[in-house]
């Protein structure tokens, strides 16, 4: 089993700016994890905005963890995502998004993932639903490639699980298929996994199909992502 630890990076946007200027290095091909080409935890200051200019044929998962996120795009779609909600967009050709914090008081905090779809040529579509961020001491499946267990279906064989793990409790990752990688992201708190201690915004990349244990040193919110490792173009 190959394990790589990536320590936290924080990206704050206080005024209108290009989202790409605030991404971590996972966007570049040598550093991305298979079909997952971006994982970014972002804060937007009160009344702040950011412009998202994704390449065409990309799936965008946005999970708001605090506050509100208002969005509108060049196709005329607009809406609001609240804390505890998740949105999936298949971005068509030349789609541009403006994401805005409508509150004059509270920051918006969000987690955004860019996922390469299993095939190209999708029309732009949106889907949004509530996200169970407080599944205590067990995994909740929120994203999958087939919509099982009432998860949000995306156009790739990716799964995303979340858990609120209490101090002293242990979770086990499921074994995964050959040819898949896993990414453990700690939103907050502290855990031990694969011989490493992870704190808020740290992530662990695991290549190998064996299960591994995750034990909380402090209460922690966790994301566990299974992603195919093919050489996506």
Protein backbone atom coordinates (compact mmCIF):
# COMPACT_ATOMS: atom_id res chain seq x y z
CA UNK A 1 0.00 0.00 0.00
CA UNK A 2 1.43 3.38 -1.04
CA UNK A 3 0.57 6.27 1.30
CA UNK A 4 1.28 9.99 0.76
CA UNK A 5 0.47 12.72 3.29
CA UNK A 6 -0.41 16.24 2.10
CA UNK A 7 -0.49 18.92 4.77
CA UNK A 8 -3.17 21.60 4.80
CA UNK A 9 -3.37 24.64 2.57
CA UNK A 10 -5.95 27.36 3.15
CA UNK A 11 -7.37 29.51 0.38
CA UNK A 12 -9.37 32.64 1.24
CA UNK A 13 -11.13 34.86 -1.28
CA UNK A 14 -12.10 38.31 -0.04
CA UNK A 15 -12.92 39.91 -3.39
CA UNK A 16 -13.75 38.89 -6.94
CA UNK A 17 -10.93 36.78 -8.33
CA UNK A 18 -10.24 33.78 -10.53
CA UNK A 19 -10.91 30.56 -8.62
CA UNK A 20 -7.96 28.96 -10.40
CA UNK A 21 -5.60 31.37 -8.67
CA UNK A 22 -6.57 29.77 -5.36
CA UNK A 23 -6.36 26.08 -6.27
CA UNK A 24 -3.85 23.66 -4.82
CA UNK A 25 -1.40 21.67 -6.93
CA UNK A 26 -3.80 18.73 -7.43
CA UNK A 27 -5.14 20.54 -10.48
CA UNK A 28 -1.95 19.79 -12.44
CA UNK A 29 -1.84 16.42 -14.18
CA UNK A 30 1.31 15.05 -12.44
CA UNK A 31 -0.21 15.67 -9.00
CA UNK A 32 -3.88 14.90 -9.42
CA UNK A 33 -5.36 11.66 -8.12
CA UNK A 34 -6.80 9.76 -11.08
CA UNK A 35 -10.17 11.24 -12.08
CA UNK A 36 -10.01 13.74 -9.19
CA UNK A 37 -8.21 16.80 -10.54
CA UNK A 38 -9.03 19.29 -7.77
CA UNK A 39 -9.91 19.26 -4.08
CA UNK A 40 -10.16 22.75 -2.62
CA UNK A 41 -11.44 23.99 0.75
CA UNK A 42 -12.31 27.68 0.40
CA UNK A 43 -13.66 30.60 2.41
CA UNK A 44 -15.47 33.55 0.84
CA UNK A 45 -15.68 36.71 2.93
CA UNK A 46 -19.04 38.47 3.50
CA UNK A 47 -20.32 39.88 0.17
CA UNK A 48 -17.25 38.43 -1.58
CA UNK A 49 -17.36 36.66 -4.94
CA UNK A 50 -15.20 34.39 -7.04
CA UNK A 51 -15.35 33.45 -10.68
CA UNK A 52 -15.03 29.77 -11.66
CA UNK A 53 -13.77 29.06 -15.16
CA UNK A 54 -13.66 25.25 -15.49
CA UNK A 55 -12.56 23.41 -18.59
CA UNK A 56 -15.43 21.88 -20.52
CA UNK A 57 -16.40 18.29 -19.72
CA UNK A 58 -15.79 18.43 -15.99
CA UNK A 59 -18.01 17.50 -13.04
CA UNK A 60 -18.05 19.94 -10.13
CA UNK A 61 -19.12 18.85 -6.62
CA UNK A 62 -19.70 21.72 -4.18
CA UNK A 63 -20.39 21.07 -0.48
CA UNK A 64 -21.22 24.13 1.64
CA UNK A 65 -20.13 23.60 5.25
CA UNK A 66 -20.96 27.08 6.61
CA UNK A 67 -23.15 29.95 5.44
CA UNK A 68 -24.70 30.42 2.00
CA UNK A 69 -23.36 30.22 -1.56
CA UNK A 70 -25.21 32.00 -4.36
CA UNK A 71 -24.27 30.99 -7.89
CA UNK A 72 -25.12 32.02 -11.43
CA UNK A 73 -23.69 30.94 -14.77
CA UNK A 74 -23.37 32.14 -18.35
CA UNK A 75 -26.30 29.91 -19.38
CA UNK A 76 -28.65 31.89 -17.11
CA UNK A 77 -29.00 29.36 -14.29
CA UNK A 78 -28.82 30.63 -10.71
CA UNK A 79 -29.56 29.42 -7.20
CA UNK A 80 -28.44 29.23 -3.58
CA UNK A 81 -26.69 26.37 -1.74
CA UNK A 82 -27.07 26.33 2.05
CA UNK A 83 -24.79 24.84 4.69
CA UNK A 84 -25.39 21.09 4.77
CA UNK A 85 -26.26 20.91 1.06
CA UNK A 86 -24.34 19.41 -1.86
CA UNK A 87 -24.50 20.37 -5.54
CA UNK A 88 -23.28 18.58 -8.65
CA UNK A 89 -22.75 20.34 -11.98
CA UNK A 90 -21.72 18.79 -15.26
CA UNK A 91 -19.98 21.75 -16.90
CA UNK A 92 -20.59 22.08 -20.61
CA UNK A 93 -18.43 23.90 -23.13
CA UNK A 94 -17.39 27.45 -22.09
CA UNK A 95 -19.50 27.43 -18.91
CA UNK A 96 -18.48 30.17 -16.48
CA UNK A 97 -19.74 30.43 -12.90
CA UNK A 98 -19.87 33.34 -10.49
CA UNK A 99 -20.05 32.24 -6.86
CA UNK A 100 -21.05 34.85 -4.29
CA UNK A 101 -21.52 35.08 -0.53
CA UNK A 102 -24.81 36.99 -0.13
CA UNK A 103 -24.33 37.53 3.62
CA UNK A 104 -22.97 40.83 4.91
CA UNK A 105 -22.03 39.16 8.22
CA UNK A 106 -21.01 35.49 7.88
CA UNK A 107 -18.25 33.85 5.88
CA UNK A 108 -19.12 31.10 3.42
CA UNK A 109 -17.08 27.91 3.75
CA UNK A 110 -17.17 25.26 1.06
CA UNK A 111 -15.42 22.19 -0.24
CA UNK A 112 -15.20 21.83 -4.01
CA UNK A 113 -14.07 18.86 -6.09
CA UNK A 114 -13.51 18.70 -9.85
CA UNK A 115 -14.00 15.21 -11.30
CA UNK A 116 -13.22 14.09 -14.85
CA UNK A 117 -16.36 12.30 -16.18
CA UNK A 118 -16.29 8.83 -17.66
CA UNK A 119 -17.01 10.25 -21.13
CA UNK A 120 -17.11 13.64 -22.83
CA UNK A 121 -19.86 15.68 -24.42
CA UNK A 122 -22.32 16.20 -21.55
CA UNK A 123 -24.87 18.98 -21.54
CA UNK A 124 -24.71 21.28 -18.51
CA UNK A 125 -26.96 20.05 -15.71
CA UNK A 126 -27.43 20.83 -12.01
CA UNK A 127 -28.55 18.62 -9.14
CA UNK A 128 -28.70 19.62 -5.49
CA UNK A 129 -29.73 17.98 -2.22
CA UNK A 130 -29.11 17.87 1.52
CA UNK A 131 -25.88 16.27 2.75
CA UNK A 132 -25.70 14.28 6.01
CA UNK A 133 -22.53 15.77 7.50
CA UNK A 134 -23.24 14.47 11.03
CA UNK A 135 -23.44 10.69 10.55
CA UNK A 136 -21.92 9.84 13.90
CA UNK A 137 -19.15 7.20 13.97
CA UNK A 138 -20.15 5.57 10.70
CA UNK A 139 -19.94 6.38 7.01
CA UNK A 140 -22.68 8.12 5.03
CA UNK A 141 -22.47 7.69 1.26
CA UNK A 142 -23.20 11.08 -0.36
CA UNK A 143 -21.75 10.65 -3.89
CA UNK A 144 -21.59 7.61 -6.17
CA UNK A 145 -21.52 6.71 -9.82
CA UNK A 146 -24.89 4.91 -9.69
CA UNK A 147 -26.92 6.80 -7.05
CA UNK A 148 -27.12 3.87 -4.63
CA UNK A 149 -28.31 4.40 -1.04
CA UNK A 150 -29.90 7.68 -2.09
CA UNK A 151 -26.51 9.21 -2.89
CA UNK A 152 -26.09 11.93 -5.51
CA UNK A 153 -25.19 10.30 -8.84
CA UNK A 154 -22.19 11.68 -10.74
CA UNK A 155 -20.84 10.81 -14.18
CA UNK A 156 -17.86 8.86 -12.89
CA UNK A 157 -17.23 5.75 -10.77
CA UNK A 158 -16.34 7.85 -7.73
CA UNK A 159 -17.67 7.45 -4.19
CA UNK A 160 -17.56 10.07 -1.44
CA UNK A 161 -18.36 9.11 2.15
CA UNK A 162 -18.55 11.43 5.17
CA UNK A 163 -18.53 10.85 8.91
CA UNK A 164 -18.47 12.80 12.18
CA UNK A 165 -16.07 10.61 14.18
CA UNK A 166 -16.00 11.10 17.95
CA UNK A 167 -12.76 11.08 19.95
CA UNK A 168 -11.57 7.54 20.70
CA UNK A 169 -13.72 5.91 18.01
CA UNK A 170 -12.37 4.04 14.99
CA UNK A 171 -13.72 3.65 11.46
CA UNK A 172 -12.45 1.24 8.82
CA UNK A 173 -12.24 2.14 5.16
CA UNK A 174 -13.85 -0.36 2.82
CA UNK A 175 -11.44 -2.37 0.66
CA UNK A 176 -11.47 -0.88 -2.82
CA UNK A 177 -11.14 -2.29 -6.31
CA UNK A 178 -7.80 -2.79 -8.03
CA UNK A 179 -7.01 0.33 -10.02
CA UNK A 180 -8.60 2.73 -7.53
CA UNK A 181 -7.07 5.20 -5.10
CA UNK A 182 -8.46 6.68 -1.90
CA UNK A 183 -8.20 10.15 -0.45
CA UNK A 184 -8.93 10.81 3.22
CA UNK A 185 -9.63 14.50 3.89
CA UNK A 186 -9.96 15.83 7.44
CA UNK A 187 -12.17 18.90 7.48
CA UNK A 188 -11.56 19.53 11.17
CA UNK A 189 -10.38 17.65 14.27
CA UNK A 190 -7.54 15.11 14.42
CA UNK A 191 -7.20 11.45 13.43
CA UNK A 192 -4.55 8.75 13.05
CA UNK A 193 -4.49 6.70 9.84
CA UNK A 194 -1.80 4.56 8.17
CA UNK A 195 0.83 5.68 10.69
CA UNK A 196 0.15 9.41 10.19
CA UNK A 197 -1.58 12.06 12.30
CA UNK A 198 -3.93 14.25 10.25
CA UNK A 199 -5.43 17.55 11.41
CA UNK A 200 -7.82 20.03 9.83
CA UNK A 201 -7.48 20.24 6.03
CA UNK A 202 -4.80 17.53 5.85
CA UNK A 203 -5.29 14.76 3.32
CA UNK A 204 -3.93 11.27 2.87
CA UNK A 205 -3.61 9.61 -0.55
CA UNK A 206 -3.70 5.80 -0.41
CA UNK A 207 -2.95 3.57 -3.41
CA UNK A 208 -3.78 -0.07 -2.74
CA UNK A 209 -6.90 -2.15 -2.21
CA UNK A 210 -6.41 -3.01 1.50
CA UNK A 211 -8.71 -1.56 4.16
CA UNK A 212 -7.18 0.73 6.81
CA UNK A 213 -8.27 2.10 10.19
CA UNK A 214 -8.98 5.73 11.08
CA UNK A 215 -9.00 6.62 14.80
CA UNK A 216 -10.05 10.02 16.16
CA UNK A 217 -7.74 11.75 18.62
CA UNK A 218 -10.30 14.59 18.71
CA UNK A 219 -13.80 14.82 17.24
CA UNK A 220 -13.36 15.05 13.47
CA UNK A 221 -15.37 15.53 10.27
CA UNK A 222 -14.00 13.20 7.57
CA UNK A 223 -14.36 12.72 3.83
CA UNK A 224 -13.25 9.45 2.23
CA UNK A 225 -13.07 9.49 -1.58
CA UNK A 226 -12.59 6.40 -3.79
CA UNK A 227 -11.50 7.34 -7.30
CA UNK A 228 -10.43 5.41 -10.43
CA UNK A 229 -6.75 5.89 -11.24
CA UNK A 230 -6.83 5.60 -15.04
CA UNK A 231 -4.75 8.09 -17.05
CA UNK A 232 -7.62 10.43 -17.81
CA UNK A 233 -7.10 13.07 -20.51
